[in-house]
Protein backbone atom coordinates (compact mmCIF):
# COMPACT_ATOMS: atom_id res chain seq x y z
CA UNK A 1 -4.61 5.12 -1.63
CA UNK A 2 -5.30 1.39 -1.15
CA UNK A 3 -4.62 0.01 1.87
CA UNK A 4 -1.28 -2.41 1.51
CA UNK A 5 -3.50 -5.71 2.03
CA UNK A 6 -4.75 -4.13 -1.84
CA UNK A 7 -1.61 -1.90 -2.49
CA UNK A 8 0.34 -4.65 -4.38
CA UNK A 9 -2.75 -5.99 -6.39
CA UNK A 10 -3.75 -2.46 -7.38
CA UNK A 11 -0.78 -2.23 -9.92
CA UNK A 12 -0.82 -6.18 -10.89
CA UNK A 13 -2.75 -8.82 -12.58
CA UNK A 14 -5.70 -10.44 -11.77
CA UNK A 15 -4.13 -13.42 -10.81
CA UNK A 16 -1.77 -12.30 -8.19
CA UNK A 17 -5.40 -14.16 -6.69
CA UNK A 18 -3.87 -17.39 -6.66
CA UNK A 19 -1.08 -16.31 -4.51
CA UNK A 20 -3.39 -14.59 -2.17
CA UNK A 21 -5.29 -18.19 -2.16
CA UNK A 22 -2.26 -19.80 -1.56
CA UNK A 23 -1.32 -17.35 1.17
CA UNK A 24 -4.88 -17.91 2.76
CA UNK A 25 -3.96 -22.23 2.86
CA UNK A 26 -0.84 -21.28 4.24
CA UNK A 27 -2.04 -18.75 6.73
CA UNK A 28 -5.33 -20.93 8.23
CA UNK A 29 -1.88 -24.35 8.18
CA UNK A 30 0.35 -21.74 10.46
CA UNK A 31 -2.35 -20.14 12.67
CA UNK A 32 -1.32 -23.46 14.87
CA UNK A 33 1.79 -22.84 15.34
CA UNK A 34 2.37 -21.47 18.52
CA UNK A 35 5.56 -19.99 16.95
CA UNK A 36 3.63 -18.36 15.05
CA UNK A 37 1.52 -16.29 16.82
CA UNK A 38 3.69 -15.35 19.13
CA UNK A 39 5.92 -13.40 15.90
CA UNK A 40 3.80 -12.42 14.27
CA UNK A 41 0.36 -11.44 17.11
CA UNK A 42 2.07 -7.96 17.33
CA UNK A 43 2.11 -6.97 14.10
CA UNK A 44 -1.36 -8.36 13.12
CA UNK A 45 -2.43 -6.38 16.23
CA UNK A 46 -0.38 -2.78 14.82
CA UNK A 47 -1.80 -3.61 10.95
CA UNK A 48 -5.66 -4.03 12.23
CA UNK A 49 -5.57 -0.13 14.72
CA UNK A 50 -3.87 0.98 11.69
CA UNK A 51 -6.85 -0.09 9.54
CA UNK A 52 -9.26 1.13 11.97
CA UNK A 53 -7.37 4.52 12.45
CA UNK A 54 -7.38 5.25 9.10
CA UNK A 55 -11.61 4.67 8.18
CA UNK A 56 -12.13 6.52 11.05
CA UNK A 57 -9.77 9.60 10.33
CA UNK A 58 -11.25 9.43 6.69
CA UNK A 59 -14.96 9.27 8.05
CA UNK A 60 -14.28 11.90 10.04
CA UNK A 61 -13.33 14.35 7.93
CA UNK A 62 -14.48 13.57 5.38
CA UNK A 63 -17.94 16.07 7.05
CA UNK A 64 -15.85 18.72 6.74
CA UNK A 65 -16.28 20.41 3.63
CA UNK A 66 -12.73 22.24 2.04
CA UNK A 67 -12.83 26.10 2.20
CA UNK A 68 -12.48 25.98 -1.77
CA UNK A 69 -15.65 24.35 -2.37
CA UNK A 70 -13.37 21.50 -5.05
CA UNK A 71 -14.26 18.16 -5.17
CA UNK A 72 -11.28 15.34 -4.84
CA UNK A 73 -10.84 15.24 -8.99
CA UNK A 74 -10.93 18.99 -9.12
CA UNK A 75 -8.20 18.55 -6.57
CA UNK A 76 -6.02 17.00 -8.06
CA UNK A 77 -6.88 17.96 -11.33
CA UNK A 78 -5.45 21.76 -9.88
CA UNK A 79 -2.61 20.97 -8.05
CA UNK A 80 -1.34 18.93 -10.95
CA UNK A 81 -1.69 21.95 -13.73
CA UNK A 82 -0.06 24.03 -10.97
CA UNK A 83 3.34 21.37 -11.36
CA UNK A 84 3.07 21.41 -15.41
CA UNK A 85 1.52 17.81 -15.97
CA UNK A 86 -1.83 17.45 -18.06
CA UNK A 87 -1.12 14.08 -19.59
CA UNK A 88 -2.52 12.66 -16.37
CA UNK A 89 -6.03 11.64 -16.60
CA UNK A 90 -8.45 11.61 -13.50
CA UNK A 91 -10.75 9.06 -13.54
CA UNK A 92 -13.60 7.58 -10.59
CA UNK A 93 -13.16 3.13 -9.39
CA UNK A 94 -15.62 1.88 -7.99
CA UNK A 95 -13.85 0.46 -3.88
CA UNK A 96 -13.75 2.28 -0.71
CA UNK A 97 -10.24 3.84 -0.85
CA UNK A 98 -9.63 2.29 -3.85
CA UNK A 99 -8.16 5.25 -4.99
CA UNK A 100 -4.72 4.71 -7.03
CA UNK A 101 -2.21 6.03 -9.41
CA UNK A 102 -1.02 3.42 -12.81
CA UNK A 103 1.80 5.02 -13.66
CA UNK A 104 1.39 2.29 -16.63
CA UNK A 105 -1.37 4.52 -18.81
CA UNK A 106 -0.86 7.59 -17.08
CA UNK A 107 -4.15 7.93 -14.99
CA UNK A 108 -5.15 8.44 -11.69
CA UNK A 109 -7.90 6.80 -10.70
CA UNK A 110 -10.12 7.91 -7.13
CA UNK A 111 -13.60 5.99 -5.38
CA UNK A 112 -16.76 7.40 -4.78
CA UNK A 113 -16.23 8.86 -1.68
CA UNK A 114 -13.34 11.07 -3.51
CA UNK A 115 -13.74 11.59 -6.52
CA UNK A 116 -16.95 13.67 -6.32
CA UNK A 117 -16.63 14.54 -2.47
CA UNK A 118 -16.09 18.28 -1.60
CA UNK A 119 -14.54 17.64 1.69
CA UNK A 120 -11.29 17.68 2.75
CA UNK A 121 -10.70 14.01 3.25
CA UNK A 122 -11.21 13.71 -0.56
CA UNK A 123 -8.30 16.15 -0.54
CA UNK A 124 -5.93 14.79 0.98
CA UNK A 125 -6.91 11.34 -0.78
CA UNK A 126 -6.98 12.47 -3.60
CA UNK A 127 -3.79 14.88 -3.69
CA UNK A 128 -1.39 12.16 -2.06
CA UNK A 129 -2.40 10.49 -5.49
CA UNK A 130 -1.04 13.26 -7.56
CA UNK A 131 1.93 13.72 -5.85
CA UNK A 132 2.43 10.04 -7.06
CA UNK A 133 1.78 11.20 -11.29
CA UNK A 134 3.86 13.57 -10.22
CA UNK A 135 6.88 11.09 -8.67
CA UNK A 136 5.96 9.66 -11.51
CA UNK A 137 6.42 12.76 -14.65
CA UNK A 138 9.67 13.65 -12.00
CA UNK A 139 11.43 10.26 -12.02
CA UNK A 140 11.40 10.25 -9.08
CA UNK A 141 13.58 7.03 -8.07
CA UNK A 142 12.46 4.88 -5.18
CA UNK A 143 8.92 4.54 -7.66
CA UNK A 144 10.85 3.56 -10.50
CA UNK A 145 12.26 0.75 -8.37
CA UNK A 146 8.99 -0.01 -6.81
CA UNK A 147 8.08 0.14 -10.68
CA UNK A 148 10.58 -2.63 -11.71
CA UNK A 149 9.76 -5.33 -8.93
CA UNK A 150 6.21 -5.44 -9.42
CA UNK A 151 6.81 -8.37 -12.01
CA UNK A 152 9.14 -10.82 -9.51
CA UNK A 153 7.09 -9.33 -6.56
CA UNK A 154 3.71 -10.33 -8.96
CA UNK A 155 5.10 -13.49 -8.86
CA UNK A 156 6.68 -13.86 -5.56
CA UNK A 157 3.70 -13.09 -3.88
CA UNK A 158 2.07 -16.97 -5.07
CA UNK A 159 5.53 -18.76 -6.18
CA UNK A 160 6.53 -18.44 -2.17
CA UNK A 161 3.36 -19.87 -0.66
CA UNK A 162 3.58 -22.61 -3.32
CA UNK A 163 8.03 -23.71 -3.10
CA UNK A 164 6.86 -23.17 1.01
CA UNK A 165 4.00 -25.88 1.11
CA UNK A 166 5.47 -27.82 -1.35
CA UNK A 167 8.30 -27.99 1.01
CA UNK A 168 6.69 -28.50 3.85
CA UNK A 169 4.14 -31.19 2.95
CA UNK A 170 7.20 -33.21 0.84
CA UNK A 171 9.78 -32.30 3.23
CA UNK A 172 12.60 -31.17 1.28
CA UNK A 173 14.01 -28.23 2.73
CA UNK A 174 15.32 -26.69 -1.01
CA UNK A 175 11.87 -25.92 -1.63
CA UNK A 176 10.80 -24.43 1.83
CA UNK A 177 14.26 -22.21 0.90
CA UNK A 178 13.27 -21.20 -2.75
CA UNK A 179 9.66 -19.93 -0.97
CA UNK A 180 11.88 -17.80 0.91
CA UNK A 181 13.93 -16.04 -1.66
CA UNK A 182 10.65 -15.59 -3.57
CA UNK A 183 8.69 -13.95 -0.20
CA UNK A 184 11.85 -11.32 0.10
CA UNK A 185 11.16 -9.29 -3.35
CA UNK A 186 7.84 -9.39 -1.21
CA UNK A 187 9.01 -7.88 1.40
CA UNK A 188 11.37 -5.62 -0.71
CA UNK A 189 8.13 -4.39 -2.55
CA UNK A 190 6.11 -3.57 0.79
CA UNK A 191 9.88 -1.76 1.87
CA UNK A 192 10.35 0.18 -0.92
CA UNK A 193 6.76 1.57 -0.96
CA UNK A 194 7.20 3.07 2.68
CA UNK A 195 9.45 6.44 1.30
CA UNK A 196 7.50 6.36 -1.71
CA UNK A 197 3.89 7.04 0.29
CA UNK A 198 5.57 9.26 2.20
CA UNK A 199 7.04 11.36 -0.19
CA UNK A 200 3.26 11.64 -1.98
CA UNK A 201 2.11 12.50 1.15
CA UNK A 202 4.64 15.06 1.67
CA UNK A 203 4.12 16.65 -1.37
CA UNK A 204 0.02 16.83 -0.92
CA UNK A 205 0.44 18.83 1.95
CA UNK A 206 2.79 20.80 1.20
CA UNK A 207 1.37 21.94 -2.69
CA UNK A 208 -2.81 21.30 -1.44
CA UNK A 209 -1.94 24.89 0.15
CA UNK A 210 0.21 26.41 -2.10
CA UNK A 211 -2.22 25.57 -5.14
CA UNK A 212 -4.76 27.03 -2.80
CA UNK A 213 -6.78 24.02 -2.37
CA UNK A 214 -7.26 24.15 1.25
CA UNK A 215 -6.41 27.14 3.32
CA UNK A 216 -3.15 27.32 5.43
CA UNK A 217 -6.09 26.23 8.44
CA UNK A 218 -7.54 22.89 6.36
CA UNK A 219 -4.15 21.46 5.99
CA UNK A 220 -3.35 19.21 9.24
CA UNK A 221 -7.21 18.30 8.62
CA UNK A 222 -6.66 17.53 4.75
CA UNK A 223 -3.07 15.56 5.77
CA UNK A 224 -4.37 13.31 8.85
CA UNK A 225 -6.08 10.91 6.34
CA UNK A 226 -2.52 10.52 5.32
CA UNK A 227 -1.22 9.84 8.05
CA UNK A 228 -3.04 7.45 9.49
CA UNK A 229 -2.52 5.48 6.16
CA UNK A 230 0.87 6.03 6.41
CA UNK A 231 0.78 3.96 9.77
CA UNK A 232 -1.05 1.37 8.09
CA UNK A 233 1.65 0.66 5.17
CA UNK A 234 3.91 0.50 8.15
CA UNK A 235 2.12 -2.23 9.45
CA UNK A 236 1.98 -3.53 6.38
CA UNK A 237 6.18 -3.86 6.53
CA UNK A 238 6.92 -5.28 9.33
CA UNK A 239 3.80 -8.07 8.89
CA UNK A 240 6.07 -8.62 6.34
CA UNK A 241 9.24 -8.62 7.89
CA UNK A 242 8.84 -10.66 10.31
CA UNK A 243 7.11 -13.35 8.30
CA UNK A 244 10.17 -13.65 6.66
CA UNK A 245 11.51 -14.41 10.07
CA UNK A 246 8.87 -16.67 11.00
CA UNK A 247 10.07 -19.07 7.38
CA UNK A 248 13.77 -18.64 7.91
CA UNK A 249 13.84 -19.96 11.44
CA UNK A 250 11.11 -22.53 10.66
CA UNK A 251 13.99 -23.60 7.70
CA UNK A 252 16.63 -23.51 10.46
CA UNK A 253 18.41 -20.18 9.43
CA UNK A 254 18.60 -19.35 13.29
CA UNK A 255 19.44 -22.01 15.88
CA UNK A 256 18.55 -25.18 13.75
CA UNK A 257 15.36 -26.18 11.55
CA UNK A 258 11.98 -26.96 13.86
CA UNK A 259 9.33 -29.40 13.51
């Protein structure tokens, strides 16, 4: 359950940091633009609040031990086994809420706060990631689409800012438009992520009870962190859409180009 700021990076190669560097450079430039602040401020506030809510909810339910006594890793393993999925490896990974499923190696990686913890929060997160493994095993179409978008989204995540910055500094509108097209792919990636994350959480909430991982009375607590985390994905998608709108307005698609 990577928070959305890290979601793309979790399934991409390290050179995505170039894009993050370019994004930061352009972001600092846009911060001086009143239009950018007017468009983006509500989404940025929502993203910050959603992230804080996720961390608060996780910390709250990380103090409540599941009656089954299963750790996050054990819970994920049981859920997958009950569904006949046994070829997925489960291993620890460093980083707070850095949990994710890697479809390339069929590996479920859980953060220290989740892997060895018997808390309801840890079980909720672990079962959510197991839900992604089940999606992969059942060839869930939105997950396949998101995986197919990874190469293009990886290039678009940094290529868009390179073209937009070059176009801005050289006043070449064509370069800016190329950047906008590339950025649109990352927006599409963010939108496709929404049904993928929602479905993984829905599977987790349903199956963690039927598999005996949590009791019916514990389901809402185990699922609370998933509900909060989903809000961060909504905020990330909204932020991407509004940033695309900003670039389109600056390129003159709506009402003429602004200088």
